[in-house]
Amino acid sequence: MLHDVTSVECCGDGCRSLVRFDDGVEGVVDVTQLVQLSGVFRALRDSSFFAQANVHPELGVVCWPNGADIDSDVLYGFVTR
């Protein structure tokens, strides 16, 4: 089952964010445990850039201004494991 992200908030320490989903599930995700911070994700090393995470209004995924995004299914799997 697919779940869209409804909100994302930077936790202020490293690459961690509180992510909420359309079914009410929420949890803290450490992005470094999901992706290597290289290529398009390299910019996430900068905490001020990381804090610009938002939810793509049409896709329901967490994304950043440079086009990097993390699929909601990957995030949901991390939170519910």
C-alpha atoms as a PDB file:
ATOM      1  CA  MET A   1       0.000   0.000   0.000  1.00  0.00           C
ATOM      2  CA  LEU A   2       1.314   3.439  -0.881  1.00  0.00           C
ATOM      3  CA  HIS A   3       1.448   6.174   1.732  1.00  0.00           C
ATOM      4  CA  ASP A   4       2.115   9.821   0.983  1.00  0.00           C
ATOM      5  CA  VAL A   5       4.198  12.017   3.233  1.00  0.00           C
ATOM      6  CA  THR A   6       2.047  14.845   4.611  1.00  0.00           C
ATOM      7  CA  SER A   7       4.717  16.777   6.525  1.00  0.00           C
ATOM      8  CA  VAL A   8       8.434  16.834   7.220  1.00  0.00           C
ATOM      9  CA  GLU A   9      10.268  18.763   9.942  1.00  0.00           C
ATOM     10  CA  CYS A  10      14.021  18.957  10.426  1.00  0.00           C
ATOM     11  CA  CYS A  11      15.012  17.722  13.889  1.00  0.00           C
ATOM     12  CA  GLY A  12      17.992  20.073  13.996  1.00  0.00           C
ATOM     13  CA  ASP A  13      20.637  17.441  14.631  1.00  0.00           C
ATOM     14  CA  GLY A  14      22.397  15.964  11.639  1.00  0.00           C
ATOM     15  CA  CYS A  15      20.290  14.601   8.822  1.00  0.00           C
ATOM     16  CA  ARG A  16      17.262  13.675  10.884  1.00  0.00           C
ATOM     17  CA  SER A  17      13.666  14.630  10.157  1.00  0.00           C
ATOM     18  CA  LEU A  18      10.282  13.925  11.650  1.00  0.00           C
ATOM     19  CA  VAL A  19       8.120  12.552   8.849  1.00  0.00           C
ATOM     20  CA  ARG A  20       4.321  12.159   8.987  1.00  0.00           C
ATOM     21  CA  PHE A  21       2.226  10.067   6.612  1.00  0.00           C
ATOM     22  CA  ASP A  22      -1.354  10.212   5.358  1.00  0.00           C
ATOM     23  CA  ASP A  23      -2.417   7.326   7.628  1.00  0.00           C
ATOM     24  CA  GLY A  24      -1.189   9.061  10.810  1.00  0.00           C
ATOM     25  CA  VAL A  25       2.051   7.110  11.146  1.00  0.00           C
ATOM     26  CA  GLU A  26       5.035   9.288  12.021  1.00  0.00           C
ATOM     27  CA  GLY A  27       8.645   8.798  12.993  1.00  0.00           C
ATOM     28  CA  VAL A  28      12.134  10.205  12.924  1.00  0.00           C
ATOM     29  CA  VAL A  29      14.223   9.275   9.901  1.00  0.00           C
ATOM     30  CA  ASP A  30      18.003   9.544   9.706  1.00  0.00           C
ATOM     31  CA  VAL A  31      18.530  10.142   5.991  1.00  0.00           C
ATOM     32  CA  THR A  32      22.150   8.939   6.209  1.00  0.00           C
ATOM     33  CA  GLN A  33      20.781   5.452   6.895  1.00  0.00           C
ATOM     34  CA  LEU A  34      18.843   5.537   3.611  1.00  0.00           C
ATOM     35  CA  VAL A  35      21.148   7.203   1.078  1.00  0.00           C
ATOM     36  CA  GLN A  36      24.810   8.018   0.636  1.00  0.00           C
ATOM     37  CA  LEU A  37      25.396  11.763   0.806  1.00  0.00           C
ATOM     38  CA  SER A  38      26.979  11.923  -2.616  1.00  0.00           C
ATOM     39  CA  GLY A  39      25.794  12.999  -6.040  1.00  0.00           C
ATOM     40  CA  VAL A  40      22.490  14.851  -5.814  1.00  0.00           C
ATOM     41  CA  PHE A  41      22.346  14.065  -2.072  1.00  0.00           C
ATOM     42  CA  ARG A  42      25.750  15.696  -1.359  1.00  0.00           C
ATOM     43  CA  ALA A  43      24.051  19.055  -0.703  1.00  0.00           C
ATOM     44  CA  LEU A  44      22.249  17.483   2.287  1.00  0.00           C
ATOM     45  CA  ARG A  45      25.547  17.595   4.203  1.00  0.00           C
ATOM     46  CA  ASP A  46      24.893  21.312   4.682  1.00  0.00           C
ATOM     47  CA  SER A  47      22.456  21.538   7.601  1.00  0.00           C
ATOM     48  CA  SER A  48      20.876  24.755   6.325  1.00  0.00           C
ATOM     49  CA  PHE A  49      20.172  23.088   2.972  1.00  0.00           C
ATOM     50  CA  PHE A  50      18.933  19.893   4.654  1.00  0.00           C
ATOM     51  CA  ALA A  51      16.464  22.001   6.639  1.00  0.00           C
ATOM     52  CA  GLN A  52      14.850  23.102   3.345  1.00  0.00           C
ATOM     53  CA  ALA A  53      13.184  19.686   3.012  1.00  0.00           C
ATOM     54  CA  ASN A  54       9.542  19.868   2.013  1.00  0.00           C
ATOM     55  CA  VAL A  55       6.781  17.622   0.710  1.00  0.00           C
ATOM     56  CA  HIS A  56       6.252  17.532  -3.044  1.00  0.00           C
ATOM     57  CA  PRO A  57       2.578  18.536  -3.432  1.00  0.00           C
ATOM     58  CA  GLU A  58       1.810  16.073  -6.231  1.00  0.00           C
ATOM     59  CA  LEU A  59       4.073  13.127  -5.423  1.00  0.00           C
ATOM     60  CA  GLY A  60       3.868  13.034  -1.621  1.00  0.00           C
ATOM     61  CA  VAL A  61       7.628  12.501  -1.245  1.00  0.00           C
ATOM     62  CA  VAL A  62      10.245  14.414   0.752  1.00  0.00           C
ATOM     63  CA  CYS A  63      12.247  16.636  -1.587  1.00  0.00           C
ATOM     64  CA  TRP A  64      14.825  19.435  -1.605  1.00  0.00           C
ATOM     65  CA  PRO A  65      15.319  22.462  -3.879  1.00  0.00           C
ATOM     66  CA  ASN A  66      18.077  20.754  -5.908  1.00  0.00           C
ATOM     67  CA  GLY A  67      15.736  17.977  -7.075  1.00  0.00           C
ATOM     68  CA  ALA A  68      16.833  15.335  -4.558  1.00  0.00           C
ATOM     69  CA  ASP A  69      13.947  13.317  -3.159  1.00  0.00           C
ATOM     70  CA  ILE A  70      13.296  10.212  -1.119  1.00  0.00           C
ATOM     71  CA  ASP A  71      10.379   7.992  -2.010  1.00  0.00           C
ATOM     72  CA  SER A  72       7.592   7.822   0.544  1.00  0.00           C
ATOM     73  CA  ASP A  73       7.599   3.999   0.505  1.00  0.00           C
ATOM     74  CA  VAL A  74      11.263   3.953   1.518  1.00  0.00           C
ATOM     75  CA  LEU A  75      10.582   6.392   4.342  1.00  0.00           C
ATOM     76  CA  TYR A  76       7.468   4.502   5.477  1.00  0.00           C
ATOM     77  CA  GLY A  77       9.394   1.235   5.547  1.00  0.00           C
ATOM     78  CA  PHE A  78      12.102   2.848   7.680  1.00  0.00           C
ATOM     79  CA  VAL A  79       9.608   4.303  10.156  1.00  0.00           C
ATOM     80  CA  THR A  80       7.539   1.121  10.501  1.00  0.00           C
ATOM     81  CA  ARG A  81      10.307  -1.466  10.636  1.00  0.00           C
END
